[in-house]
Amino acid sequence: LDALGDEEVLAAAGPHIRAPSFEV
């Protein structure tokens, strides 16, 4: 976000390992 430097930013997250599957 700092490197992008815009006050108005849109953000989108894509497919990834979700909480039910992500054991740590």
PDB file of all heavy atoms in Angstrom:
ATOM      1  N   LEU A   1       0.828  -1.200   0.000  1.00  0.00           N
ATOM      2  CA  LEU A   1       0.000   0.000   0.000  1.00  0.00           C
ATOM      3  C   LEU A   1       0.865   1.255   0.000  1.00  0.00           C
ATOM      4  O   LEU A   1       0.581   2.228  -0.721  1.00  0.00           O
ATOM      5  CB  LEU A   1      -0.932   0.000   1.202  1.00  0.00           C
ATOM      6  CG  LEU A   1      -2.063  -1.031   1.181  1.00  0.00           C
ATOM      7  CD1 LEU A   1      -2.767  -1.062   2.527  1.00  0.00           C
ATOM      8  CD2 LEU A   1      -3.066  -0.727   0.071  1.00  0.00           C
ATOM      9  N   ASP A   2       1.928   1.251   0.791  1.00  0.00           N
ATOM     10  CA  ASP A   2       2.845   2.400   0.819  1.00  0.00           C
ATOM     11  C   ASP A   2       3.472   2.619  -0.552  1.00  0.00           C
ATOM     12  O   ASP A   2       3.596   3.761  -1.018  1.00  0.00           O
ATOM     13  CB  ASP A   2       3.946   2.173   1.852  1.00  0.00           C
ATOM     14  CG  ASP A   2       3.449   2.292   3.284  1.00  0.00           C
ATOM     15  OD1 ASP A   2       2.369   2.875   3.486  1.00  0.00           O
ATOM     16  OD2 ASP A   2       4.139   1.782   4.187  1.00  0.00           O
ATOM     17  N   ALA A   3       3.876   1.531  -1.197  1.00  0.00           N
ATOM     18  CA  ALA A   3       4.524   1.644  -2.502  1.00  0.00           C
ATOM     19  C   ALA A   3       3.544   2.121  -3.569  1.00  0.00           C
ATOM     20  O   ALA A   3       3.917   2.852  -4.485  1.00  0.00           O
ATOM     21  CB  ALA A   3       5.130   0.302  -2.905  1.00  0.00           C
ATOM     22  N   LEU A   4       2.293   1.719  -3.442  1.00  0.00           N
ATOM     23  CA  LEU A   4       1.279   2.150  -4.406  1.00  0.00           C
ATOM     24  C   LEU A   4       1.020   3.645  -4.247  1.00  0.00           C
ATOM     25  O   LEU A   4       0.881   4.371  -5.243  1.00  0.00           O
ATOM     26  CB  LEU A   4      -0.001   1.338  -4.199  1.00  0.00           C
ATOM     27  CG  LEU A   4      -1.026   1.313  -5.322  1.00  0.00           C
ATOM     28  CD1 LEU A   4      -0.411   0.820  -6.623  1.00  0.00           C
ATOM     29  CD2 LEU A   4      -2.217   0.438  -4.931  1.00  0.00           C
ATOM     30  N   GLY A   5       0.931   4.091  -3.001  1.00  0.00           N
ATOM     31  CA  GLY A   5       0.905   5.522  -2.729  1.00  0.00           C
ATOM     32  C   GLY A   5      -0.393   6.243  -3.022  1.00  0.00           C
ATOM     33  O   GLY A   5      -0.430   7.470  -2.999  1.00  0.00           O
ATOM     34  N   ASP A   6      -1.481   5.526  -3.273  1.00  0.00           N
ATOM     35  CA  ASP A   6      -2.766   6.161  -3.558  1.00  0.00           C
ATOM     36  C   ASP A   6      -3.605   6.264  -2.288  1.00  0.00           C
ATOM     37  O   ASP A   6      -3.598   5.358  -1.444  1.00  0.00           O
ATOM     38  CB  ASP A   6      -3.546   5.346  -4.594  1.00  0.00           C
ATOM     39  CG  ASP A   6      -3.063   5.587  -6.005  1.00  0.00           C
ATOM     40  OD1 ASP A   6      -3.576   6.511  -6.644  1.00  0.00           O
ATOM     41  OD2 ASP A   6      -2.176   4.846  -6.463  1.00  0.00           O
ATOM     42  N   GLU A   7      -4.368   7.344  -2.182  1.00  0.00           N
ATOM     43  CA  GLU A   7      -5.269   7.471  -1.045  1.00  0.00           C
ATOM     44  C   GLU A   7      -6.500   6.590  -1.222  1.00  0.00           C
ATOM     45  O   GLU A   7      -7.066   6.105  -0.243  1.00  0.00           O
ATOM     46  CB  GLU A   7      -5.684   8.932  -0.867  1.00  0.00           C
ATOM     47  CG  GLU A   7      -4.539   9.837  -0.430  1.00  0.00           C
ATOM     48  CD  GLU A   7      -5.013  11.238  -0.122  1.00  0.00           C
ATOM     49  OE1 GLU A   7      -6.239  11.475  -0.166  1.00  0.00           O
ATOM     50  OE2 GLU A   7      -4.153  12.087   0.159  1.00  0.00           O
ATOM     51  N   GLU A   8      -6.925   6.395  -2.460  1.00  0.00           N
ATOM     52  CA  GLU A   8      -8.077   5.544  -2.755  1.00  0.00           C
ATOM     53  C   GLU A   8      -7.579   4.273  -3.433  1.00  0.00           C
ATOM     54  O   GLU A   8      -7.002   4.328  -4.515  1.00  0.00           O
ATOM     55  CB  GLU A   8      -9.075   6.266  -3.648  1.00  0.00           C
ATOM     56  CG  GLU A   8      -9.694   7.504  -3.016  1.00  0.00           C
ATOM     57  CD  GLU A   8     -10.703   8.168  -3.932  1.00  0.00           C
ATOM     58  OE1 GLU A   8     -11.164   7.504  -4.884  1.00  0.00           O
ATOM     59  OE2 GLU A   8     -11.017   9.347  -3.700  1.00  0.00           O
ATOM     60  N   VAL A   9      -7.818   3.135  -2.796  1.00  0.00           N
ATOM     61  CA  VAL A   9      -7.328   1.851  -3.314  1.00  0.00           C
ATOM     62  C   VAL A   9      -8.458   0.822  -3.300  1.00  0.00           C
ATOM     63  O   VAL A   9      -9.215   0.733  -2.329  1.00  0.00           O
ATOM     64  CB  VAL A   9      -6.145   1.331  -2.467  1.00  0.00           C
ATOM     65  CG1 VAL A   9      -5.693  -0.055  -2.953  1.00  0.00           C
ATOM     66  CG2 VAL A   9      -4.980   2.313  -2.517  1.00  0.00           C
ATOM     67  N   LEU A  10      -8.544   0.051  -4.378  1.00  0.00           N
ATOM     68  CA  LEU A  10      -9.442  -1.094  -4.453  1.00  0.00           C
ATOM     69  C   LEU A  10      -8.612  -2.350  -4.230  1.00  0.00           C
ATOM     70  O   LEU A  10      -7.456  -2.423  -4.659  1.00  0.00           O
ATOM     71  CB  LEU A  10     -10.123  -1.155  -5.820  1.00  0.00           C
ATOM     72  CG  LEU A  10     -10.908   0.087  -6.246  1.00  0.00           C
ATOM     73  CD1 LEU A  10     -11.438  -0.096  -7.664  1.00  0.00           C
ATOM     74  CD2 LEU A  10     -12.031   0.382  -5.278  1.00  0.00           C
ATOM     75  N   ALA A  11      -9.201  -3.345  -3.576  1.00  0.00           N
ATOM     76  CA  ALA A  11      -8.458  -4.565  -3.257  1.00  0.00           C
ATOM     77  C   ALA A  11      -9.329  -5.789  -3.473  1.00  0.00           C
ATOM     78  O   ALA A  11     -10.522  -5.788  -3.143  1.00  0.00           O
ATOM     79  CB  ALA A  11      -7.974  -4.528  -1.811  1.00  0.00           C
ATOM     80  N   ALA A  12      -8.712  -6.837  -4.006  1.00  0.00           N
ATOM     81  CA  ALA A  12      -9.425  -8.099  -4.219  1.00  0.00           C
ATOM     82  C   ALA A  12      -8.521  -9.267  -3.863  1.00  0.00           C
ATOM     83  O   ALA A  12      -7.339  -9.283  -4.230  1.00  0.00           O
ATOM     84  CB  ALA A  12      -9.879  -8.228  -5.672  1.00  0.00           C
ATOM     85  N   ALA A  13      -9.076 -10.228  -3.141  1.00  0.00           N
ATOM     86  CA  ALA A  13      -8.360 -11.456  -2.779  1.00  0.00           C
ATOM     87  C   ALA A  13      -8.884 -12.611  -3.613  1.00  0.00           C
ATOM     88  O   ALA A  13     -10.080 -12.715  -3.871  1.00  0.00           O
ATOM     89  CB  ALA A  13      -8.550 -11.761  -1.294  1.00  0.00           C
ATOM     90  N   GLY A  14      -7.962 -13.499  -3.993  1.00  0.00           N
ATOM     91  CA  GLY A  14      -8.337 -14.640  -4.809  1.00  0.00           C
ATOM     92  C   GLY A  14      -8.322 -15.944  -4.033  1.00  0.00           C
ATOM     93  O   GLY A  14      -8.168 -15.965  -2.807  1.00  0.00           O
ATOM     94  N   PRO A  15      -8.475 -17.058  -4.743  1.00  0.00           N
ATOM     95  CA  PRO A  15      -8.502 -18.378  -4.098  1.00  0.00           C
ATOM     96  C   PRO A  15      -7.218 -18.658  -3.328  1.00  0.00           C
ATOM     97  O   PRO A  15      -6.123 -18.341  -3.785  1.00  0.00           O
ATOM     98  CB  PRO A  15      -8.639 -19.328  -5.295  1.00  0.00           C
ATOM     99  CG  PRO A  15      -9.221 -18.502  -6.391  1.00  0.00           C
ATOM    100  CD  PRO A  15      -8.655 -17.134  -6.205  1.00  0.00           C
ATOM    101  N   HIS A  16      -7.384 -19.258  -2.156  1.00  0.00           N
ATOM    102  CA  HIS A  16      -6.242 -19.620  -1.316  1.00  0.00           C
ATOM    103  C   HIS A  16      -6.707 -20.672  -0.312  1.00  0.00           C
ATOM    104  O   HIS A  16      -7.890 -21.020  -0.274  1.00  0.00           O
ATOM    105  CB  HIS A  16      -5.687 -18.394  -0.590  1.00  0.00           C
ATOM    106  CG  HIS A  16      -6.675 -17.728   0.305  1.00  0.00           C
ATOM    107  ND1 HIS A  16      -7.656 -16.876  -0.171  1.00  0.00           N
ATOM    108  CD2 HIS A  16      -6.874 -17.784   1.654  1.00  0.00           C
ATOM    109  CE1 HIS A  16      -8.403 -16.445   0.832  1.00  0.00           C
ATOM    110  NE2 HIS A  16      -7.951 -16.988   1.950  1.00  0.00           N
ATOM    111  N   ILE A  17      -5.803 -21.166   0.493  1.00  0.00           N
ATOM    112  CA  ILE A  17      -6.194 -22.151   1.498  1.00  0.00           C
ATOM    113  C   ILE A  17      -6.983 -21.444   2.603  1.00  0.00           C
ATOM    114  O   ILE A  17      -6.533 -20.471   3.187  1.00  0.00           O
ATOM    115  CB  ILE A  17      -4.962 -22.886   2.064  1.00  0.00           C
ATOM    116  CG1 ILE A  17      -5.392 -24.065   2.944  1.00  0.00           C
ATOM    117  CG2 ILE A  17      -4.020 -21.945   2.794  1.00  0.00           C
ATOM    118  CD1 ILE A  17      -4.248 -25.001   3.311  1.00  0.00           C
ATOM    119  N   ARG A  18      -8.178 -21.942   2.855  1.00  0.00           N
ATOM    120  CA  ARG A  18      -9.075 -21.297   3.812  1.00  0.00           C
ATOM    121  C   ARG A  18      -8.889 -21.878   5.210  1.00  0.00           C
ATOM    122  O   ARG A  18      -8.296 -22.940   5.406  1.00  0.00           O
ATOM    123  CB  ARG A  18     -10.517 -21.464   3.355  1.00  0.00           C
ATOM    124  CG  ARG A  18     -10.780 -20.869   1.964  1.00  0.00           C
ATOM    125  CD  ARG A  18     -10.901 -19.363   1.999  1.00  0.00           C
ATOM    126  NE  ARG A  18     -10.926 -18.779   0.660  1.00  0.00           N
ATOM    127  CZ  ARG A  18     -11.329 -17.542   0.385  1.00  0.00           C
ATOM    128  NH1 ARG A  18     -11.746 -16.757   1.378  1.00  0.00           N
ATOM    129  NH2 ARG A  18     -11.310 -17.077  -0.846  1.00  0.00           N
ATOM    130  N   ALA A  19      -9.451 -21.170   6.187  1.00  0.00           N
ATOM    131  CA  ALA A  19      -9.242 -21.524   7.589  1.00  0.00           C
ATOM    132  C   ALA A  19      -9.552 -22.982   7.920  1.00  0.00           C
ATOM    133  O   ALA A  19      -8.786 -23.617   8.661  1.00  0.00           O
ATOM    134  CB  ALA A  19     -10.055 -20.592   8.483  1.00  0.00           C
ATOM    135  N   PRO A  20     -10.637 -23.578   7.404  1.00  0.00           N
ATOM    136  CA  PRO A  20     -10.908 -24.971   7.763  1.00  0.00           C
ATOM    137  C   PRO A  20      -9.799 -25.944   7.346  1.00  0.00           C
ATOM    138  O   PRO A  20      -9.678 -27.030   7.908  1.00  0.00           O
ATOM    139  CB  PRO A  20     -12.214 -25.269   7.015  1.00  0.00           C
ATOM    140  CG  PRO A  20     -12.875 -23.948   6.874  1.00  0.00           C
ATOM    141  CD  PRO A  20     -11.749 -22.999   6.621  1.00  0.00           C
ATOM    142  N   SER A  21      -9.000 -25.543   6.354  1.00  0.00           N
ATOM    143  CA  SER A  21      -7.951 -26.418   5.821  1.00  0.00           C
ATOM    144  C   SER A  21      -6.550 -26.024   6.263  1.00  0.00           C
ATOM    145  O   SER A  21      -5.612 -26.807   6.115  1.00  0.00           O
ATOM    146  CB  SER A  21      -7.992 -26.421   4.290  1.00  0.00           C
ATOM    147  OG  SER A  21      -9.285 -26.718   3.799  1.00  0.00           O
ATOM    148  N   PHE A  22      -6.389 -24.799   6.778  1.00  0.00           N
ATOM    149  CA  PHE A  22      -5.058 -24.264   7.049  1.00  0.00           C
ATOM    150  C   PHE A  22      -4.669 -24.527   8.504  1.00  0.00           C
ATOM    151  O   PHE A  22      -4.902 -23.716   9.398  1.00  0.00           O
ATOM    152  CB  PHE A  22      -5.027 -22.772   6.743  1.00  0.00           C
ATOM    153  CG  PHE A  22      -3.646 -22.170   6.753  1.00  0.00           C
ATOM    154  CD1 PHE A  22      -2.495 -22.955   6.666  1.00  0.00           C
ATOM    155  CD2 PHE A  22      -3.481 -20.795   6.833  1.00  0.00           C
ATOM    156  CE1 PHE A  22      -1.234 -22.403   6.669  1.00  0.00           C
ATOM    157  CE2 PHE A  22      -2.222 -20.218   6.838  1.00  0.00           C
ATOM    158  CZ  PHE A  22      -1.101 -21.024   6.755  1.00  0.00           C
ATOM    159  N   GLU A  23      -4.053 -25.668   8.743  1.00  0.00           N
ATOM    160  CA  GLU A  23      -3.631 -26.069  10.081  1.00  0.00           C
ATOM    161  C   GLU A  23      -2.221 -25.576  10.361  1.00  0.00           C
ATOM    162  O   GLU A  23      -1.305 -25.768   9.558  1.00  0.00           O
ATOM    163  CB  GLU A  23      -3.687 -27.586  10.216  1.00  0.00           C
ATOM    164  CG  GLU A  23      -3.234 -28.111  11.564  1.00  0.00           C
ATOM    165  CD  GLU A  23      -3.236 -29.621  11.620  1.00  0.00           C
ATOM    166  OE1 GLU A  23      -4.224 -30.234  11.160  1.00  0.00           O
ATOM    167  OE2 GLU A  23      -2.239 -30.204  12.111  1.00  0.00           O
ATOM    168  N   VAL A  24      -2.041 -24.936  11.524  1.00  0.00           N
ATOM    169  CA  VAL A  24      -0.722 -24.441  11.925  1.00  0.00           C
ATOM    170  C   VAL A  24      -0.473 -24.804  13.383  1.00  0.00           C
ATOM    171  O   VAL A  24      -1.400 -25.109  14.139  1.00  0.00           O
ATOM    172  CB  VAL A  24      -0.611 -22.912  11.746  1.00  0.00           C
ATOM    173  CG1 VAL A  24      -0.796 -22.526  10.295  1.00  0.00           C
ATOM    174  CG2 VAL A  24      -1.615 -22.178  12.637  1.00  0.00           C
TER     175      VAL A  24
END
